[in-house]
Amino acid sequence: MLLGVLSHPLSMLTGYSGSGMPGGWTRFPGMDGCALAPVEGANLRVVLGYADSYPAATAMRERARAAGLHGVEANQDGCGRLRVYVDDVPTTEAARTLLGRARSAGMKPTVERDPDG
């Protein structure tokens, strides 16, 4: 009796593949799952970098603004990191301009798809 009562919750918790049921430990996206690849026709996000603390993110944001980048934000990315970025970049050409300015300020920017834009 006890085996029957415990087998279902334990199989759900461990995600026993033989049961055919969903479950298991919560799966969090890896770092690759936090950055979406750019898609033609979708708004872009230029990520200027990641910081380990809010003071470091604020300093990076201010450095970007001093380099002439506008609309720079610093927020958590959903994967436990602090991302410094410019959102809602409408075209690849606009992203290239931002990339050049960021590189001239000593940053190593990347381009991602803006998931909400």
C-alpha atoms as a PDB file:
ATOM      1  CA  MET A   1       0.000   0.000   0.000  1.00  0.00           C
ATOM      2  CA  LEU A   2       2.743   2.450   0.978  1.00  0.00           C
ATOM      3  CA  LEU A   3       4.608   1.677  -2.228  1.00  0.00           C
ATOM      4  CA  GLY A   4       1.552   2.613  -4.298  1.00  0.00           C
ATOM      5  CA  VAL A   5       1.028   5.868  -2.409  1.00  0.00           C
ATOM      6  CA  LEU A   6       4.665   6.956  -2.765  1.00  0.00           C
ATOM      7  CA  SER A   7       5.358   5.722  -6.295  1.00  0.00           C
ATOM      8  CA  HIS A   8       3.357   8.408  -8.115  1.00  0.00           C
ATOM      9  CA  PRO A   9       4.769  11.462  -6.277  1.00  0.00           C
ATOM     10  CA  LEU A  10       8.291  10.049  -6.467  1.00  0.00           C
ATOM     11  CA  SER A  11       8.002   9.344 -10.191  1.00  0.00           C
ATOM     12  CA  MET A  12       6.709  12.877 -10.764  1.00  0.00           C
ATOM     13  CA  LEU A  13       9.531  14.359  -8.709  1.00  0.00           C
ATOM     14  CA  THR A  14      12.266  12.444 -10.477  1.00  0.00           C
ATOM     15  CA  GLY A  15      10.656  12.536 -13.910  1.00  0.00           C
ATOM     16  CA  TYR A  16      10.888   8.796 -14.369  1.00  0.00           C
ATOM     17  CA  SER A  17      10.864   8.454 -18.125  1.00  0.00           C
ATOM     18  CA  GLY A  18       9.275   5.030 -18.087  1.00  0.00           C
ATOM     19  CA  SER A  19       6.076   6.433 -16.589  1.00  0.00           C
ATOM     20  CA  GLY A  20       5.285   8.603 -19.596  1.00  0.00           C
ATOM     21  CA  MET A  21       4.207  11.394 -17.275  1.00  0.00           C
ATOM     22  CA  PRO A  22       5.498  14.921 -17.239  1.00  0.00           C
ATOM     23  CA  GLY A  23       7.392  15.921 -14.182  1.00  0.00           C
ATOM     24  CA  GLY A  24      10.810  15.878 -12.733  1.00  0.00           C
ATOM     25  CA  TRP A  25      12.880  18.640 -11.302  1.00  0.00           C
ATOM     26  CA  THR A  26      12.182  22.092 -12.589  1.00  0.00           C
ATOM     27  CA  ARG A  27      14.352  22.784 -15.610  1.00  0.00           C
ATOM     28  CA  PHE A  28      15.803  26.251 -15.926  1.00  0.00           C
ATOM     29  CA  PRO A  29      17.080  27.548 -19.230  1.00  0.00           C
ATOM     30  CA  GLY A  30      20.812  27.547 -19.658  1.00  0.00           C
ATOM     31  CA  MET A  31      22.574  30.752 -20.572  1.00  0.00           C
ATOM     32  CA  ASP A  32      21.808  29.975 -24.222  1.00  0.00           C
ATOM     33  CA  GLY A  33      18.090  29.980 -23.392  1.00  0.00           C
ATOM     34  CA  CYS A  34      18.320  33.503 -22.021  1.00  0.00           C
ATOM     35  CA  ALA A  35      19.503  35.082 -25.256  1.00  0.00           C
ATOM     36  CA  LEU A  36      17.306  34.726 -28.328  1.00  0.00           C
ATOM     37  CA  ALA A  37      18.941  34.663 -31.740  1.00  0.00           C
ATOM     38  CA  PRO A  38      18.030  37.610 -33.978  1.00  0.00           C
ATOM     39  CA  VAL A  39      15.296  36.994 -36.545  1.00  0.00           C
ATOM     40  CA  GLU A  40      14.811  38.983 -39.743  1.00  0.00           C
ATOM     41  CA  GLY A  41      11.973  41.468 -39.339  1.00  0.00           C
ATOM     42  CA  ALA A  42      11.876  41.315 -35.527  1.00  0.00           C
ATOM     43  CA  ASN A  43      13.048  44.090 -33.218  1.00  0.00           C
ATOM     44  CA  LEU A  44      16.520  43.628 -31.847  1.00  0.00           C
ATOM     45  CA  ARG A  45      18.192  44.141 -28.503  1.00  0.00           C
ATOM     46  CA  VAL A  46      21.826  45.235 -28.342  1.00  0.00           C
ATOM     47  CA  VAL A  47      23.350  43.758 -25.199  1.00  0.00           C
ATOM     48  CA  LEU A  48      26.281  45.853 -24.052  1.00  0.00           C
ATOM     49  CA  GLY A  49      27.368  43.408 -21.389  1.00  0.00           C
ATOM     50  CA  TYR A  50      26.576  41.637 -18.149  1.00  0.00           C
ATOM     51  CA  ALA A  51      27.437  42.716 -14.630  1.00  0.00           C
ATOM     52  CA  ASP A  52      27.831  40.882 -11.334  1.00  0.00           C
ATOM     53  CA  SER A  53      26.233  43.585  -9.205  1.00  0.00           C
ATOM     54  CA  TYR A  54      23.865  46.514  -9.507  1.00  0.00           C
ATOM     55  CA  PRO A  55      26.648  49.062  -8.908  1.00  0.00           C
ATOM     56  CA  ALA A  56      28.668  47.457 -11.736  1.00  0.00           C
ATOM     57  CA  ALA A  57      25.602  47.442 -14.022  1.00  0.00           C
ATOM     58  CA  THR A  58      24.915  51.088 -13.219  1.00  0.00           C
ATOM     59  CA  ALA A  59      28.541  51.995 -13.965  1.00  0.00           C
ATOM     60  CA  MET A  60      28.373  50.146 -17.305  1.00  0.00           C
ATOM     61  CA  ARG A  61      25.105  51.869 -18.159  1.00  0.00           C
ATOM     62  CA  GLU A  62      26.594  55.288 -17.393  1.00  0.00           C
ATOM     63  CA  ARG A  63      29.691  54.500 -19.463  1.00  0.00           C
ATOM     64  CA  ALA A  64      27.411  53.576 -22.388  1.00  0.00           C
ATOM     65  CA  ARG A  65      25.432  56.792 -22.014  1.00  0.00           C
ATOM     66  CA  ALA A  66      28.660  58.804 -21.931  1.00  0.00           C
ATOM     67  CA  ALA A  67      29.600  57.107 -25.237  1.00  0.00           C
ATOM     68  CA  GLY A  68      26.427  58.510 -26.809  1.00  0.00           C
ATOM     69  CA  LEU A  69      24.146  55.487 -26.483  1.00  0.00           C
ATOM     70  CA  HIS A  70      20.564  56.385 -25.618  1.00  0.00           C
ATOM     71  CA  GLY A  71      17.862  54.255 -24.027  1.00  0.00           C
ATOM     72  CA  VAL A  72      20.338  52.085 -22.125  1.00  0.00           C
ATOM     73  CA  GLU A  73      18.738  49.929 -19.430  1.00  0.00           C
ATOM     74  CA  ALA A  74      20.067  47.570 -16.778  1.00  0.00           C
ATOM     75  CA  ASN A  75      17.836  44.766 -15.506  1.00  0.00           C
ATOM     76  CA  GLN A  76      17.891  41.119 -14.574  1.00  0.00           C
ATOM     77  CA  ASP A  77      17.674  38.826 -17.572  1.00  0.00           C
ATOM     78  CA  GLY A  78      15.619  36.029 -16.007  1.00  0.00           C
ATOM     79  CA  CYS A  79      18.652  33.751 -15.704  1.00  0.00           C
ATOM     80  CA  GLY A  80      20.225  35.365 -12.675  1.00  0.00           C
ATOM     81  CA  ARG A  81      22.397  37.866 -14.503  1.00  0.00           C
ATOM     82  CA  LEU A  82      22.263  41.644 -14.793  1.00  0.00           C
ATOM     83  CA  ARG A  83      22.046  42.648 -18.435  1.00  0.00           C
ATOM     84  CA  VAL A  84      22.920  46.137 -19.715  1.00  0.00           C
ATOM     85  CA  TYR A  85      21.193  46.697 -23.050  1.00  0.00           C
ATOM     86  CA  VAL A  86      19.349  48.875 -25.535  1.00  0.00           C
ATOM     87  CA  ASP A  87      15.893  47.512 -26.343  1.00  0.00           C
ATOM     88  CA  ASP A  88      13.571  47.967 -29.317  1.00  0.00           C
ATOM     89  CA  VAL A  89      16.260  48.441 -31.960  1.00  0.00           C
ATOM     90  CA  PRO A  90      14.208  48.437 -35.185  1.00  0.00           C
ATOM     91  CA  THR A  91      16.763  47.449 -37.844  1.00  0.00           C
ATOM     92  CA  THR A  92      20.032  45.639 -38.337  1.00  0.00           C
ATOM     93  CA  GLU A  93      21.615  48.887 -39.532  1.00  0.00           C
ATOM     94  CA  ALA A  94      20.600  50.658 -36.314  1.00  0.00           C
ATOM     95  CA  ALA A  95      22.060  47.736 -34.342  1.00  0.00           C
ATOM     96  CA  ARG A  96      25.363  48.054 -36.255  1.00  0.00           C
ATOM     97  CA  THR A  97      25.581  51.719 -35.305  1.00  0.00           C
ATOM     98  CA  LEU A  98      25.043  50.869 -31.630  1.00  0.00           C
ATOM     99  CA  LEU A  99      27.575  48.037 -31.827  1.00  0.00           C
ATOM    100  CA  GLY A 100      30.214  50.419 -33.169  1.00  0.00           C
ATOM    101  CA  ARG A 101      29.634  52.990 -30.441  1.00  0.00           C
ATOM    102  CA  ALA A 102      29.688  50.333 -27.736  1.00  0.00           C
ATOM    103  CA  ARG A 103      32.916  48.816 -29.060  1.00  0.00           C
ATOM    104  CA  SER A 104      34.540  52.257 -29.140  1.00  0.00           C
ATOM    105  CA  ALA A 105      33.633  52.567 -25.439  1.00  0.00           C
ATOM    106  CA  GLY A 106      35.487  49.310 -24.693  1.00  0.00           C
ATOM    107  CA  MET A 107      32.415  47.082 -24.469  1.00  0.00           C
ATOM    108  CA  LYS A 108      31.850  43.716 -26.139  1.00  0.00           C
ATOM    109  CA  PRO A 109      28.247  44.006 -27.342  1.00  0.00           C
ATOM    110  CA  THR A 110      26.072  41.329 -28.899  1.00  0.00           C
ATOM    111  CA  VAL A 111      22.768  41.399 -30.755  1.00  0.00           C
ATOM    112  CA  GLU A 112      19.719  39.405 -29.659  1.00  0.00           C
ATOM    113  CA  ARG A 113      16.081  39.251 -30.637  1.00  0.00           C
ATOM    114  CA  ASP A 114      13.929  41.484 -28.476  1.00  0.00           C
ATOM    115  CA  PRO A 115      11.340  39.017 -27.113  1.00  0.00           C
ATOM    116  CA  ASP A 116       8.739  41.677 -26.345  1.00  0.00           C
ATOM    117  CA  GLY A 117       9.195  43.785 -29.424  1.00  0.00           C
END
